[in-house]
Amino acid sequence: MKTEMLYGYHPVNEALKACRRKIHEIHFAKTRLSGPIEALLARAETARIPVKQMLPAQLKAATETDMHQGIGALVSPFPFAPFAQVLDPPVKKTTGRFLLLLDSIVDPRNLGALIRTALCAGIDGVLIPKDRSALPSPLVSKASSGALEHVTLAKVTNMADSIDTLKQNGVWVVGLDKHASRSLYDGDFCGDLAVVIGGEEKGIRPRVRKKCDYLVSIPQSERVNSLNASVAGAVMMYEAYRQRWASGI
């Protein structure tokens, strides 16, 4: 039976609320007990989840980090969604699908930050490639402040082929590329939409870039080379969110 150790208040709390993982046991350090953690432990006990007190050093060893905030949870691995669920969600929307495609985001902190923004911006589903990508680890859950526990995330074998399938199903695919001549603010992000954010160093891979319906860039001053991937992704997602909100989508 595979397990992993979530750590930090928000990841553990959101996993408990989301009810998507099997929570085998919750560990806490008595010396770090706070009001929110006490409430979390009470909910866990009501749900009949075993709760175990540890010394701070024991919790550090169990979570393999100093960033545990006094609490950790032994849980089942993150539950990936099938691609079909992202493509055709069980709950139908009248407002158009809004998807995020992350092509080769390898830094787990960037992945976590992007997932947190995606949840806030109303993204319906996220795709990552099977290879050349950070995976939804406890560090990603921590970096997302627990947003990972609620997001619909699918892992695909071939991102370019997945884009073909999305386009065949009426989804417009827009890539963020710093070299694109078209400004982000000239794009139309309403309707069925997937936005593509490339990796930290090289951006969107050539074959994936060619599959996009069009590319946009973020206008910026000449003083820096480019934005961090998670910041650039946030700018793009929120411009799409703004347009969709203004259009009543």
Protein backbone atom coordinates (compact mmCIF):
# COMPACT_ATOMS: atom_id res chain seq x y z
CA MET A 1 0.00 0.00 0.00
CA LYS A 2 1.55 3.29 -1.13
CA THR A 3 1.45 6.27 1.22
CA GLU A 4 3.03 9.68 1.54
CA MET A 5 3.29 12.25 4.31
CA LEU A 6 1.53 15.57 3.85
CA TYR A 7 2.82 18.31 6.12
CA GLY A 8 1.70 21.77 7.16
CA TYR A 9 -1.67 22.99 8.38
CA HIS A 10 -3.23 23.91 5.02
CA PRO A 11 -2.36 20.69 3.12
CA VAL A 12 -3.61 18.49 5.95
CA ASN A 13 -6.71 20.60 6.56
CA GLU A 14 -7.63 20.74 2.86
CA ALA A 15 -7.06 17.00 2.43
CA LEU A 16 -9.43 16.43 5.34
CA LYS A 17 -12.04 18.73 3.77
CA ALA A 18 -11.66 17.40 0.23
CA CYS A 19 -12.17 13.73 1.22
CA ARG A 20 -10.27 12.58 -1.88
CA ARG A 21 -7.43 10.78 -0.16
CA LYS A 22 -7.48 8.01 2.39
CA ILE A 23 -6.06 9.56 5.57
CA HIS A 24 -4.47 6.74 7.55
CA GLU A 25 -3.18 8.75 10.50
CA ILE A 26 -2.59 12.33 11.60
CA HIS A 27 0.55 13.19 13.55
CA PHE A 28 0.98 16.35 15.63
CA ALA A 29 3.59 17.91 17.88
CA LYS A 30 2.12 18.86 21.27
CA THR A 31 4.43 21.84 21.66
CA ARG A 32 3.18 23.36 18.39
CA LEU A 33 -0.54 22.92 19.07
CA SER A 34 -2.64 25.96 18.07
CA GLY A 35 -6.36 26.73 17.91
CA PRO A 36 -6.74 25.82 14.21
CA ILE A 37 -4.78 22.59 14.68
CA GLU A 38 -6.87 21.69 17.72
CA ALA A 39 -10.02 22.16 15.61
CA LEU A 40 -8.51 20.04 12.81
CA LEU A 41 -7.67 17.24 15.25
CA ALA A 42 -11.21 17.35 16.64
CA ARG A 43 -12.63 16.93 13.14
CA ALA A 44 -10.23 14.07 12.49
CA GLU A 45 -11.32 12.28 15.65
CA THR A 46 -14.98 12.78 14.69
CA ALA A 47 -14.14 11.16 11.35
CA ARG A 48 -12.44 8.33 13.27
CA ILE A 49 -9.04 9.06 11.84
CA PRO A 50 -6.27 7.93 14.22
CA VAL A 51 -4.38 10.85 15.79
CA LYS A 52 -0.87 10.41 17.18
CA GLN A 53 1.15 12.83 19.30
CA MET A 54 4.87 13.10 18.53
CA LEU A 55 7.88 14.98 19.77
CA PRO A 56 8.88 17.80 17.38
CA ALA A 57 12.02 15.87 16.39
CA GLN A 58 9.94 12.79 15.61
CA LEU A 59 7.55 14.82 13.44
CA LYS A 60 10.49 16.39 11.63
CA ALA A 61 11.85 12.92 10.92
CA ALA A 62 8.45 11.64 9.77
CA THR A 63 7.81 14.57 7.42
CA GLU A 64 11.48 15.04 6.45
CA THR A 65 11.18 18.81 6.79
CA ASP A 66 11.22 21.68 9.29
CA MET A 67 8.19 23.18 7.50
CA HIS A 68 5.62 20.87 9.08
CA GLN A 69 4.00 23.58 11.28
CA GLY A 70 3.40 20.99 13.96
CA ILE A 71 1.22 18.64 11.92
CA GLY A 72 1.46 15.91 9.29
CA ALA A 73 -0.80 13.26 7.81
CA LEU A 74 -0.03 9.82 6.42
CA VAL A 75 -2.20 9.64 3.29
CA SER A 76 -2.76 7.74 0.07
CA PRO A 77 -1.08 9.15 -3.07
CA PHE A 78 -2.65 12.05 -4.93
CA PRO A 79 -5.65 10.87 -6.99
CA PHE A 80 -5.05 11.79 -10.62
CA ALA A 81 -8.15 12.34 -12.74
CA PRO A 82 -8.44 10.62 -16.13
CA PHE A 83 -7.96 12.90 -19.14
CA ALA A 84 -11.54 12.10 -20.17
CA GLN A 85 -12.81 13.76 -16.98
CA VAL A 86 -10.94 16.97 -17.80
CA LEU A 87 -12.17 16.85 -21.40
CA ASP A 88 -15.77 16.05 -20.48
CA PRO A 89 -16.40 16.87 -16.80
CA PRO A 90 -19.28 15.07 -15.06
CA VAL A 91 -20.84 18.38 -14.03
CA LYS A 92 -21.73 20.22 -17.24
CA LYS A 93 -21.12 23.97 -17.47
CA THR A 94 -22.93 26.49 -19.60
CA THR A 95 -19.99 28.88 -19.42
CA GLY A 96 -17.29 27.06 -21.41
CA ARG A 97 -14.41 24.95 -20.19
CA PHE A 98 -11.37 26.72 -18.75
CA LEU A 99 -8.28 24.50 -18.67
CA LEU A 100 -4.61 24.88 -17.78
CA LEU A 101 -1.87 22.92 -19.59
CA LEU A 102 1.54 22.94 -17.89
CA ASP A 103 4.28 21.90 -20.30
CA SER A 104 7.45 20.84 -18.43
CA ILE A 105 7.06 22.74 -15.15
CA VAL A 106 9.78 20.93 -13.19
CA ASP A 107 10.00 23.05 -10.02
CA PRO A 108 7.46 21.70 -7.48
CA ARG A 109 7.10 25.15 -5.93
CA ASN A 110 6.15 26.63 -9.29
CA LEU A 111 3.70 23.78 -9.85
CA GLY A 112 2.15 24.42 -6.44
CA ALA A 113 1.89 28.17 -7.04
CA LEU A 114 0.29 27.64 -10.46
CA ILE A 115 -2.24 25.17 -9.05
CA ARG A 116 -3.15 27.59 -6.25
CA THR A 117 -3.76 30.38 -8.79
CA ALA A 118 -5.65 27.99 -11.07
CA LEU A 119 -8.10 27.13 -8.31
CA CYS A 120 -8.61 30.81 -7.47
CA ALA A 121 -9.10 31.75 -11.14
CA GLY A 122 -11.75 29.10 -11.75
CA ILE A 123 -9.72 26.63 -13.81
CA ASP A 124 -11.74 23.45 -14.37
CA GLY A 125 -8.84 21.08 -14.93
CA VAL A 126 -5.06 20.94 -15.20
CA LEU A 127 -2.94 18.74 -17.49
CA ILE A 128 0.71 17.86 -16.91
CA PRO A 129 2.92 15.54 -18.99
CA LYS A 130 3.91 12.14 -17.63
CA ASP A 131 7.60 12.97 -18.15
CA ARG A 132 9.56 16.19 -17.71
CA SER A 133 7.24 17.53 -15.04
CA ALA A 134 7.09 17.92 -11.29
CA LEU A 135 4.51 15.55 -9.82
CA PRO A 136 1.89 16.32 -7.14
CA SER A 137 4.08 15.65 -4.11
CA PRO A 138 3.62 16.83 -0.50
CA LEU A 139 5.91 19.76 -1.34
CA VAL A 140 3.55 20.76 -4.17
CA SER A 141 0.58 20.57 -1.79
CA LYS A 142 2.47 22.77 0.69
CA ALA A 143 3.45 25.27 -2.02
CA SER A 144 -0.19 25.42 -3.15
CA SER A 145 -1.41 26.03 0.44
CA GLY A 146 -3.51 22.89 0.08
CA ALA A 147 -5.16 23.89 -3.23
CA LEU A 148 -3.74 20.71 -4.78
CA GLU A 149 -6.18 18.69 -2.68
CA HIS A 150 -9.14 20.18 -4.59
CA VAL A 151 -7.87 20.55 -8.16
CA THR A 152 -8.75 18.19 -11.02
CA LEU A 153 -5.31 17.15 -12.29
CA ALA A 154 -4.62 14.70 -15.11
CA LYS A 155 -1.29 13.27 -16.23
CA VAL A 156 -1.01 12.67 -19.98
CA THR A 157 1.53 10.68 -21.99
CA ASN A 158 1.75 13.16 -24.88
CA MET A 159 0.80 16.82 -24.40
CA ALA A 160 0.76 17.58 -28.15
CA ASP A 161 -1.65 14.72 -28.85
CA SER A 162 -3.81 15.81 -25.93
CA ILE A 163 -4.03 19.29 -27.45
CA ASP A 164 -5.22 17.73 -30.71
CA THR A 165 -7.99 15.98 -28.78
CA LEU A 166 -8.98 19.20 -27.01
CA LYS A 167 -9.16 21.07 -30.33
CA GLN A 168 -11.26 18.29 -31.88
CA ASN A 169 -13.67 18.85 -29.00
CA GLY A 170 -14.05 22.57 -29.57
CA VAL A 171 -11.43 23.92 -27.14
CA TRP A 172 -9.27 26.87 -28.26
CA VAL A 173 -5.65 26.47 -27.14
CA VAL A 174 -3.58 29.59 -26.43
CA GLY A 175 0.10 29.42 -25.50
CA LEU A 176 2.09 31.92 -23.49
CA ASP A 177 5.39 32.66 -25.26
CA LYS A 178 7.60 35.65 -24.47
CA HIS A 179 8.60 35.94 -28.14
CA ALA A 180 5.02 36.14 -29.46
CA SER A 181 4.17 39.38 -31.25
CA ARG A 182 0.55 39.32 -30.09
CA SER A 183 -0.06 40.86 -26.68
CA LEU A 184 -1.85 38.93 -23.96
CA TYR A 185 -4.30 41.83 -23.79
CA ASP A 186 -5.28 41.38 -27.45
CA GLY A 187 -6.28 37.74 -26.97
CA ASP A 188 -9.85 36.48 -26.75
CA PHE A 189 -10.09 34.17 -23.74
CA CYS A 190 -13.82 33.56 -23.61
CA GLY A 191 -15.55 30.30 -24.51
CA ASP A 192 -13.94 26.86 -24.31
CA LEU A 193 -10.30 27.67 -23.56
CA ALA A 194 -7.04 25.98 -22.61
CA VAL A 195 -4.02 28.09 -21.72
CA VAL A 196 -0.53 26.60 -22.07
CA ILE A 197 2.33 27.62 -19.78
CA GLY A 198 5.83 26.40 -20.64
CA GLY A 199 8.73 25.26 -18.49
CA GLU A 200 10.96 27.49 -16.39
CA GLU A 201 13.94 27.60 -18.76
CA LYS A 202 12.86 26.92 -22.35
CA GLY A 203 9.16 27.71 -22.27
CA ILE A 204 6.70 25.70 -24.35
CA ARG A 205 8.33 22.84 -26.27
CA PRO A 206 8.38 23.32 -30.10
CA ARG A 207 5.89 20.54 -30.95
CA VAL A 208 3.45 21.74 -28.29
CA ARG A 209 3.90 25.35 -29.45
CA LYS A 210 2.97 24.39 -33.01
CA LYS A 211 -0.27 22.81 -31.81
CA CYS A 212 -1.50 26.03 -30.17
CA ASP A 213 -4.13 28.01 -32.06
CA TYR A 214 -2.12 31.15 -31.35
CA LEU A 215 0.52 32.51 -28.98
CA VAL A 216 0.54 35.58 -26.77
CA SER A 217 3.17 37.39 -24.72
CA ILE A 218 3.04 39.57 -21.62
CA PRO A 219 4.15 43.16 -22.29
CA GLN A 220 6.97 44.21 -19.97
CA SER A 221 9.80 46.68 -19.62
CA GLU A 222 13.26 45.92 -20.99
CA ARG A 223 14.83 45.86 -17.53
CA VAL A 224 14.40 42.11 -16.96
CA ASN A 225 14.49 39.13 -19.29
CA SER A 226 11.23 37.44 -18.35
CA LEU A 227 8.78 36.66 -15.55
CA ASN A 228 8.94 33.57 -13.39
CA ALA A 229 6.76 30.77 -14.84
CA SER A 230 4.28 30.82 -11.96
CA VAL A 231 3.96 34.63 -12.07
CA ALA A 232 3.53 34.66 -15.85
CA GLY A 233 0.93 31.92 -15.58
CA ALA A 234 -0.94 33.88 -12.93
CA VAL A 235 -1.01 37.00 -15.13
CA MET A 236 -2.41 35.00 -18.05
CA MET A 237 -4.99 33.11 -16.01
CA TYR A 238 -6.28 36.28 -14.43
CA GLU A 239 -6.52 38.13 -17.74
CA ALA A 240 -8.63 35.21 -18.96
CA TYR A 241 -10.63 35.32 -15.72
CA ARG A 242 -11.17 39.08 -16.13
CA GLN A 243 -12.47 38.67 -19.69
CA ARG A 244 -14.73 35.79 -18.77
CA TRP A 245 -16.07 37.61 -15.71
CA ALA A 246 -16.70 40.78 -17.75
CA SER A 247 -18.58 38.71 -20.35
CA GLY A 248 -20.66 36.97 -17.69
CA ILE A 249 -18.90 33.65 -18.28
